[in-house]
Amino acid sequence: ISLNRHVGVRILGQDKIAVSFLAMGQQAKFN
């Protein structure tokens, strides 16, 4: 899912949940 234009959430399992942030060509992921 996309929470907004820059932040998305990926859920693959209980211990495989990631928040991804993308802006101006830079990306950060939080497990």
PDB file of all heavy atoms in Angstrom:
ATOM      1  N   ILE A   1       0.846  -1.196   0.000  1.00  0.00           N
ATOM      2  CA  ILE A   1       0.000   0.000   0.000  1.00  0.00           C
ATOM      3  C   ILE A   1       0.880   1.243   0.000  1.00  0.00           C
ATOM      4  O   ILE A   1       2.041   1.205   0.411  1.00  0.00           O
ATOM      5  CB  ILE A   1      -0.947   0.041   1.225  1.00  0.00           C
ATOM      6  CG1 ILE A   1      -0.148   0.154   2.526  1.00  0.00           C
ATOM      7  CG2 ILE A   1      -1.864  -1.165   1.257  1.00  0.00           C
ATOM      8  CD1 ILE A   1      -1.017   0.402   3.753  1.00  0.00           C
ATOM      9  N   SER A   2       0.311   2.342  -0.476  1.00  0.00           N
ATOM     10  CA  SER A   2       0.986   3.638  -0.470  1.00  0.00           C
ATOM     11  C   SER A   2       0.262   4.557   0.493  1.00  0.00           C
ATOM     12  O   SER A   2      -0.914   4.894   0.266  1.00  0.00           O
ATOM     13  CB  SER A   2       0.999   4.248  -1.883  1.00  0.00           C
ATOM     14  OG  SER A   2       1.746   3.451  -2.773  1.00  0.00           O
ATOM     15  N   LEU A   3       0.938   4.955   1.552  1.00  0.00           N
ATOM     16  CA  LEU A   3       0.330   5.859   2.520  1.00  0.00           C
ATOM     17  C   LEU A   3       0.226   7.264   1.948  1.00  0.00           C
ATOM     18  O   LEU A   3      -0.706   8.007   2.246  1.00  0.00           O
ATOM     19  CB  LEU A   3       1.148   5.878   3.812  1.00  0.00           C
ATOM     20  CG  LEU A   3       1.225   4.543   4.569  1.00  0.00           C
ATOM     21  CD1 LEU A   3       2.154   4.673   5.767  1.00  0.00           C
ATOM     22  CD2 LEU A   3      -0.156   4.095   5.009  1.00  0.00           C
ATOM     23  N   ASN A   4       1.190   7.628   1.135  1.00  0.00           N
ATOM     24  CA  ASN A   4       1.165   8.911   0.423  1.00  0.00           C
ATOM     25  C   ASN A   4       2.131   8.816  -0.755  1.00  0.00           C
ATOM     26  O   ASN A   4       2.578   7.705  -1.097  1.00  0.00           O
ATOM     27  CB  ASN A   4       1.511  10.085   1.367  1.00  0.00           C
ATOM     28  CG  ASN A   4       2.847   9.881   2.076  1.00  0.00           C
ATOM     29  OD1 ASN A   4       3.870   9.629   1.431  1.00  0.00           O
ATOM     30  ND2 ASN A   4       2.850   9.992   3.396  1.00  0.00           N
ATOM     31  N   ARG A   5       2.445   9.927  -1.374  1.00  0.00           N
ATOM     32  CA  ARG A   5       3.299   9.912  -2.570  1.00  0.00           C
ATOM     33  C   ARG A   5       4.700   9.381  -2.297  1.00  0.00           C
ATOM     34  O   ARG A   5       5.376   8.881  -3.206  1.00  0.00           O
ATOM     35  CB  ARG A   5       3.414  11.316  -3.148  1.00  0.00           C
ATOM     36  CG  ARG A   5       2.145  11.874  -3.763  1.00  0.00           C
ATOM     37  CD  ARG A   5       2.394  13.295  -4.252  1.00  0.00           C
ATOM     38  NE  ARG A   5       3.530  13.357  -5.165  1.00  0.00           N
ATOM     39  CZ  ARG A   5       4.116  14.484  -5.542  1.00  0.00           C
ATOM     40  NH1 ARG A   5       3.673  15.660  -5.072  1.00  0.00           N
ATOM     41  NH2 ARG A   5       5.133  14.464  -6.380  1.00  0.00           N
ATOM     42  N   HIS A   6       5.165   9.467  -1.066  1.00  0.00           N
ATOM     43  CA  HIS A   6       6.559   9.143  -0.756  1.00  0.00           C
ATOM     44  C   HIS A   6       6.748   7.913   0.131  1.00  0.00           C
ATOM     45  O   HIS A   6       7.845   7.365   0.186  1.00  0.00           O
ATOM     46  CB  HIS A   6       7.234  10.342  -0.076  1.00  0.00           C
ATOM     47  CG  HIS A   6       7.211  11.594  -0.881  1.00  0.00           C
ATOM     48  ND1 HIS A   6       8.022  11.792  -1.974  1.00  0.00           N
ATOM     49  CD2 HIS A   6       6.463  12.722  -0.763  1.00  0.00           C
ATOM     50  CE1 HIS A   6       7.785  12.984  -2.493  1.00  0.00           C
ATOM     51  NE2 HIS A   6       6.837  13.566  -1.779  1.00  0.00           N
ATOM     52  N   VAL A   7       5.721   7.488   0.835  1.00  0.00           N
ATOM     53  CA  VAL A   7       5.862   6.407   1.813  1.00  0.00           C
ATOM     54  C   VAL A   7       4.954   5.239   1.461  1.00  0.00           C
ATOM     55  O   VAL A   7       3.751   5.423   1.223  1.00  0.00           O
ATOM     56  CB  VAL A   7       5.542   6.890   3.245  1.00  0.00           C
ATOM     57  CG1 VAL A   7       5.791   5.755   4.252  1.00  0.00           C
ATOM     58  CG2 VAL A   7       6.391   8.103   3.605  1.00  0.00           C
ATOM     59  N   GLY A   8       5.548   4.061   1.401  1.00  0.00           N
ATOM     60  CA  GLY A   8       4.791   2.843   1.131  1.00  0.00           C
ATOM     61  C   GLY A   8       5.049   1.799   2.193  1.00  0.00           C
ATOM     62  O   GLY A   8       6.033   1.868   2.940  1.00  0.00           O
ATOM     63  N   VAL A   9       4.163   0.814   2.282  1.00  0.00           N
ATOM     64  CA  VAL A   9       4.286  -0.273   3.257  1.00  0.00           C
ATOM     65  C   VAL A   9       4.175  -1.596   2.513  1.00  0.00           C
ATOM     66  O   VAL A   9       3.281  -1.783   1.678  1.00  0.00           O
ATOM     67  CB  VAL A   9       3.197  -0.186   4.344  1.00  0.00           C
ATOM     68  CG1 VAL A   9       3.309  -1.379   5.301  1.00  0.00           C
ATOM     69  CG2 VAL A   9       3.311   1.120   5.107  1.00  0.00           C
ATOM     70  N   ARG A  10       5.090  -2.506   2.840  1.00  0.00           N
ATOM     71  CA  ARG A  10       5.073  -3.847   2.248  1.00  0.00           C
ATOM     72  C   ARG A  10       4.987  -4.867   3.378  1.00  0.00           C
ATOM     73  O   ARG A  10       5.784  -4.844   4.322  1.00  0.00           O
ATOM     74  CB  ARG A  10       6.336  -4.076   1.429  1.00  0.00           C
ATOM     75  CG  ARG A  10       6.406  -5.455   0.772  1.00  0.00           C
ATOM     76  CD  ARG A  10       7.703  -5.628   0.016  1.00  0.00           C
ATOM     77  NE  ARG A  10       8.850  -5.571   0.922  1.00  0.00           N
ATOM     78  CZ  ARG A  10      10.117  -5.627   0.523  1.00  0.00           C
ATOM     79  NH1 ARG A  10      10.395  -5.691  -0.771  1.00  0.00           N
ATOM     80  NH2 ARG A  10      11.101  -5.570   1.394  1.00  0.00           N
ATOM     81  N   ILE A  11       4.010  -5.776   3.286  1.00  0.00           N
ATOM     82  CA  ILE A  11       3.798  -6.795   4.321  1.00  0.00           C
ATOM     83  C   ILE A  11       3.898  -8.163   3.659  1.00  0.00           C
ATOM     84  O   ILE A  11       3.034  -8.547   2.869  1.00  0.00           O
ATOM     85  CB  ILE A  11       2.434  -6.625   5.003  1.00  0.00           C
ATOM     86  CG1 ILE A  11       2.297  -5.209   5.580  1.00  0.00           C
ATOM     87  CG2 ILE A  11       2.251  -7.667   6.111  1.00  0.00           C
ATOM     88  CD1 ILE A  11       0.919  -4.904   6.120  1.00  0.00           C
ATOM     89  N   LEU A  12       4.938  -8.898   3.990  1.00  0.00           N
ATOM     90  CA  LEU A  12       5.148 -10.239   3.452  1.00  0.00           C
ATOM     91  C   LEU A  12       5.065 -11.308   4.532  1.00  0.00           C
ATOM     92  O   LEU A  12       4.919 -12.488   4.228  1.00  0.00           O
ATOM     93  CB  LEU A  12       6.509 -10.336   2.753  1.00  0.00           C
ATOM     94  CG  LEU A  12       6.742  -9.359   1.600  1.00  0.00           C
ATOM     95  CD1 LEU A  12       8.139  -9.548   1.032  1.00  0.00           C
ATOM     96  CD2 LEU A  12       5.699  -9.549   0.512  1.00  0.00           C
ATOM     97  N   GLY A  13       5.189 -10.913   5.789  1.00  0.00           N
ATOM     98  CA  GLY A  13       5.143 -11.847   6.902  1.00  0.00           C
ATOM     99  C   GLY A  13       5.249 -11.091   8.204  1.00  0.00           C
ATOM    100  O   GLY A  13       5.459  -9.871   8.225  1.00  0.00           O
ATOM    101  N   GLN A  14       5.130 -11.819   9.305  1.00  0.00           N
ATOM    102  CA  GLN A  14       5.165 -11.170  10.615  1.00  0.00           C
ATOM    103  C   GLN A  14       6.478 -10.437  10.850  1.00  0.00           C
ATOM    104  O   GLN A  14       6.500  -9.352  11.438  1.00  0.00           O
ATOM    105  CB  GLN A  14       4.938 -12.206  11.720  1.00  0.00           C
ATOM    106  CG  GLN A  14       4.783 -11.609  13.113  1.00  0.00           C
ATOM    107  CD  GLN A  14       4.554 -12.658  14.174  1.00  0.00           C
ATOM    108  OE1 GLN A  14       4.838 -13.837  13.948  1.00  0.00           O
ATOM    109  NE2 GLN A  14       4.046 -12.264  15.322  1.00  0.00           N
ATOM    110  N   ASP A  15       7.581 -11.010  10.398  1.00  0.00           N
ATOM    111  CA  ASP A  15       8.882 -10.382  10.563  1.00  0.00           C
ATOM    112  C   ASP A  15       9.393  -9.775   9.256  1.00  0.00           C
ATOM    113  O   ASP A  15      10.565  -9.429   9.148  1.00  0.00           O
ATOM    114  CB  ASP A  15       9.897 -11.398  11.107  1.00  0.00           C
ATOM    115  CG  ASP A  15      10.043 -12.605  10.202  1.00  0.00           C
ATOM    116  OD1 ASP A  15       9.175 -12.798   9.324  1.00  0.00           O
ATOM    117  OD2 ASP A  15      11.008 -13.362  10.369  1.00  0.00           O
ATOM    118  N   LYS A  16       8.508  -9.658   8.257  1.00  0.00           N
ATOM    119  CA  LYS A  16       8.889  -9.092   6.964  1.00  0.00           C
ATOM    120  C   LYS A  16       7.930  -7.965   6.603  1.00  0.00           C
ATOM    121  O   LYS A  16       7.159  -8.056   5.647  1.00  0.00           O
ATOM    122  CB  LYS A  16       8.882 -10.176   5.892  1.00  0.00           C
ATOM    123  CG  LYS A  16       9.917 -11.270   6.129  1.00  0.00           C
ATOM    124  CD  LYS A  16       9.851 -12.338   5.053  1.00  0.00           C
ATOM    125  CE  LYS A  16      10.890 -13.435   5.310  1.00  0.00           C
ATOM    126  NZ  LYS A  16      10.827 -14.511   4.289  1.00  0.00           N
ATOM    127  N   ILE A  17       7.959  -6.921   7.427  1.00  0.00           N
ATOM    128  CA  ILE A  17       7.147  -5.728   7.204  1.00  0.00           C
ATOM    129  C   ILE A  17       8.106  -4.556   7.029  1.00  0.00           C
ATOM    130  O   ILE A  17       8.954  -4.313   7.882  1.00  0.00           O
ATOM    131  CB  ILE A  17       6.199  -5.467   8.384  1.00  0.00           C
ATOM    132  CG1 ILE A  17       5.304  -6.691   8.627  1.00  0.00           C
ATOM    133  CG2 ILE A  17       5.331  -4.233   8.128  1.00  0.00           C
ATOM    134  CD1 ILE A  17       4.451  -6.579   9.867  1.00  0.00           C
ATOM    135  N   ALA A  18       7.988  -3.846   5.925  1.00  0.00           N
ATOM    136  CA  ALA A  18       8.928  -2.770   5.623  1.00  0.00           C
ATOM    137  C   ALA A  18       8.196  -1.486   5.288  1.00  0.00           C
ATOM    138  O   ALA A  18       7.174  -1.499   4.599  1.00  0.00           O
ATOM    139  CB  ALA A  18       9.847  -3.163   4.474  1.00  0.00           C
ATOM    140  N   VAL A  19       8.731  -0.382   5.792  1.00  0.00           N
ATOM    141  CA  VAL A  19       8.279   0.957   5.429  1.00  0.00           C
ATOM    142  C   VAL A  19       9.345   1.537   4.512  1.00  0.00           C
ATOM    143  O   VAL A  19      10.520   1.591   4.870  1.00  0.00           O
ATOM    144  CB  VAL A  19       8.104   1.848   6.672  1.00  0.00           C
ATOM    145  CG1 VAL A  19       7.791   3.288   6.267  1.00  0.00           C
ATOM    146  CG2 VAL A  19       6.996   1.309   7.567  1.00  0.00           C
ATOM    147  N   SER A  20       8.955   1.947   3.324  1.00  0.00           N
ATOM    148  CA  SER A  20       9.913   2.502   2.365  1.00  0.00           C
ATOM    149  C   SER A  20       9.606   3.970   2.112  1.00  0.00           C
ATOM    150  O   SER A  20       8.442   4.349   1.960  1.00  0.00           O
ATOM    151  CB  SER A  20       9.880   1.721   1.043  1.00  0.00           C
ATOM    152  OG  SER A  20       8.588   1.761   0.468  1.00  0.00           O
ATOM    153  N   PHE A  21      10.657   4.775   2.090  1.00  0.00           N
ATOM    154  CA  PHE A  21      10.533   6.213   1.861  1.00  0.00           C
ATOM    155  C   PHE A  21      11.336   6.557   0.614  1.00  0.00           C
ATOM    156  O   PHE A  21      12.513   6.208   0.500  1.00  0.00           O
ATOM    157  CB  PHE A  21      11.074   6.983   3.069  1.00  0.00           C
ATOM    158  CG  PHE A  21      11.074   8.470   2.885  1.00  0.00           C
ATOM    159  CD1 PHE A  21       9.932   9.216   3.104  1.00  0.00           C
ATOM    160  CD2 PHE A  21      12.221   9.126   2.468  1.00  0.00           C
ATOM    161  CE1 PHE A  21       9.931  10.593   2.928  1.00  0.00           C
ATOM    162  CE2 PHE A  21      12.242  10.504   2.288  1.00  0.00           C
ATOM    163  CZ  PHE A  21      11.086  11.239   2.511  1.00  0.00           C
ATOM    164  N   LEU A  22      10.700   7.236  -0.352  1.00  0.00           N
ATOM    165  CA  LEU A  22      11.351   7.579  -1.606  1.00  0.00           C
ATOM    166  C   LEU A  22      11.052   9.035  -1.951  1.00  0.00           C
ATOM    167  O   LEU A  22       9.900   9.446  -2.031  1.00  0.00           O
ATOM    168  CB  LEU A  22      10.846   6.678  -2.735  1.00  0.00           C
ATOM    169  CG  LEU A  22      11.412   6.940  -4.136  1.00  0.00           C
ATOM    170  CD1 LEU A  22      12.918   6.708  -4.159  1.00  0.00           C
ATOM    171  CD2 LEU A  22      10.719   6.042  -5.163  1.00  0.00           C
ATOM    172  N   ALA A  23      12.121   9.808  -2.121  1.00  0.00           N
ATOM    173  CA  ALA A  23      11.962  11.227  -2.472  1.00  0.00           C
ATOM    174  C   ALA A  23      13.257  11.730  -3.098  1.00  0.00           C
ATOM    175  O   ALA A  23      14.353  11.419  -2.625  1.00  0.00           O
ATOM    176  CB  ALA A  23      11.618  12.055  -1.239  1.00  0.00           C
ATOM    177  N   MET A  24      13.132  12.495  -4.170  1.00  0.00           N
ATOM    178  CA  MET A  24      14.263  13.125  -4.848  1.00  0.00           C
ATOM    179  C   MET A  24      15.375  12.133  -5.167  1.00  0.00           C
ATOM    180  O   MET A  24      16.558  12.406  -5.013  1.00  0.00           O
ATOM    181  CB  MET A  24      14.808  14.276  -3.990  1.00  0.00           C
ATOM    182  CG  MET A  24      13.801  15.388  -3.763  1.00  0.00           C
ATOM    183  SD  MET A  24      14.485  16.829  -2.909  1.00  0.00           S
ATOM    184  CE  MET A  24      14.978  16.100  -1.360  1.00  0.00           C
ATOM    185  N   GLY A  25      14.983  10.932  -5.620  1.00  0.00           N
ATOM    186  CA  GLY A  25      15.960   9.922  -6.013  1.00  0.00           C
ATOM    187  C   GLY A  25      16.617   9.188  -4.863  1.00  0.00           C
ATOM    188  O   GLY A  25      17.462   8.320  -5.083  1.00  0.00           O
ATOM    189  N   GLN A  26      16.253   9.504  -3.627  1.00  0.00           N
ATOM    190  CA  GLN A  26      16.823   8.843  -2.454  1.00  0.00           C
ATOM    191  C   GLN A  26      15.783   7.917  -1.835  1.00  0.00           C
ATOM    192  O   GLN A  26      14.588   8.243  -1.791  1.00  0.00           O
ATOM    193  CB  GLN A  26      17.269   9.876  -1.417  1.00  0.00           C
ATOM    194  CG  GLN A  26      18.314  10.855  -1.915  1.00  0.00           C
ATOM    195  CD  GLN A  26      19.647  10.185  -2.170  1.00  0.00           C
ATOM    196  OE1 GLN A  26      20.045   9.268  -1.461  1.00  0.00           O
ATOM    197  NE2 GLN A  26      20.356  10.652  -3.189  1.00  0.00           N
ATOM    198  N   GLN A  27      16.239   6.752  -1.352  1.00  0.00           N
ATOM    199  CA  GLN A  27      15.321   5.784  -0.756  1.00  0.00           C
ATOM    200  C   GLN A  27      15.850   5.302   0.580  1.00  0.00           C
ATOM    201  O   GLN A  27      17.063   5.126   0.760  1.00  0.00           O
ATOM    202  CB  GLN A  27      15.110   4.585  -1.682  1.00  0.00           C
ATOM    203  CG  GLN A  27      14.077   3.583  -1.161  1.00  0.00           C
ATOM    204  CD  GLN A  27      13.847   2.441  -2.150  1.00  0.00           C
ATOM    205  OE1 GLN A  27      14.739   2.067  -2.892  1.00  0.00           O
ATOM    206  NE2 GLN A  27      12.654   1.882  -2.150  1.00  0.00           N
ATOM    207  N   ALA A  28      14.932   5.119   1.524  1.00  0.00           N
ATOM    208  CA  ALA A  28      15.275   4.556   2.831  1.00  0.00           C
ATOM    209  C   ALA A  28      14.240   3.496   3.178  1.00  0.00           C
ATOM    210  O   ALA A  28      13.049   3.663   2.893  1.00  0.00           O
ATOM    211  CB  ALA A  28      15.292   5.639   3.906  1.00  0.00           C
ATOM    212  N   LYS A  29      14.691   2.390   3.746  1.00  0.00           N
ATOM    213  CA  LYS A  29      13.792   1.314   4.138  1.00  0.00           C
ATOM    214  C   LYS A  29      13.940   1.031   5.629  1.00  0.00           C
ATOM    215  O   LYS A  29      15.048   1.020   6.159  1.00  0.00           O
ATOM    216  CB  LYS A  29      14.085   0.041   3.336  1.00  0.00           C
ATOM    217  CG  LYS A  29      13.668   0.123   1.885  1.00  0.00           C
ATOM    218  CD  LYS A  29      13.845  -1.225   1.195  1.00  0.00           C
ATOM    219  CE  LYS A  29      13.372  -1.159  -0.252  1.00  0.00           C
ATOM    220  NZ  LYS A  29      13.504  -2.476  -0.935  1.00  0.00           N
ATOM    221  N   PHE A  30      12.815   0.806   6.275  1.00  0.00           N
ATOM    222  CA  PHE A  30      12.795   0.504   7.704  1.00  0.00           C
ATOM    223  C   PHE A  30      12.100  -0.843   7.889  1.00  0.00           C
ATOM    224  O   PHE A  30      10.941  -1.004   7.493  1.00  0.00           O
ATOM    225  CB  PHE A  30      12.033   1.579   8.489  1.00  0.00           C
ATOM    226  CG  PHE A  30      12.549   2.972   8.274  1.00  0.00           C
ATOM    227  CD1 PHE A  30      12.081   3.748   7.207  1.00  0.00           C
ATOM    228  CD2 PHE A  30      13.494   3.514   9.121  1.00  0.00           C
ATOM    229  CE1 PHE A  30      12.546   5.029   7.001  1.00  0.00           C
ATOM    230  CE2 PHE A  30      13.971   4.802   8.918  1.00  0.00           C
ATOM    231  CZ  PHE A  30      13.500   5.562   7.861  1.00  0.00           C
ATOM    232  N   ASN A  31      12.818  -1.799   8.474  1.00  0.00           N
ATOM    233  CA  ASN A  31      12.210  -3.088   8.769  1.00  0.00           C
ATOM    234  C   ASN A  31      11.469  -2.976  10.100  1.00  0.00           C
ATOM    235  O   ASN A  31      12.087  -2.845  11.157  1.00  0.00           O
ATOM    236  CB  ASN A  31      13.270  -4.189   8.845  1.00  0.00           C
ATOM    237  CG  ASN A  31      12.654  -5.553   9.132  1.00  0.00           C
ATOM    238  OD1 ASN A  31      11.455  -5.742   8.968  1.00  0.00           O
ATOM    239  ND2 ASN A  31      13.472  -6.493   9.569  1.00  0.00           N
TER     240      ASN A  31
END
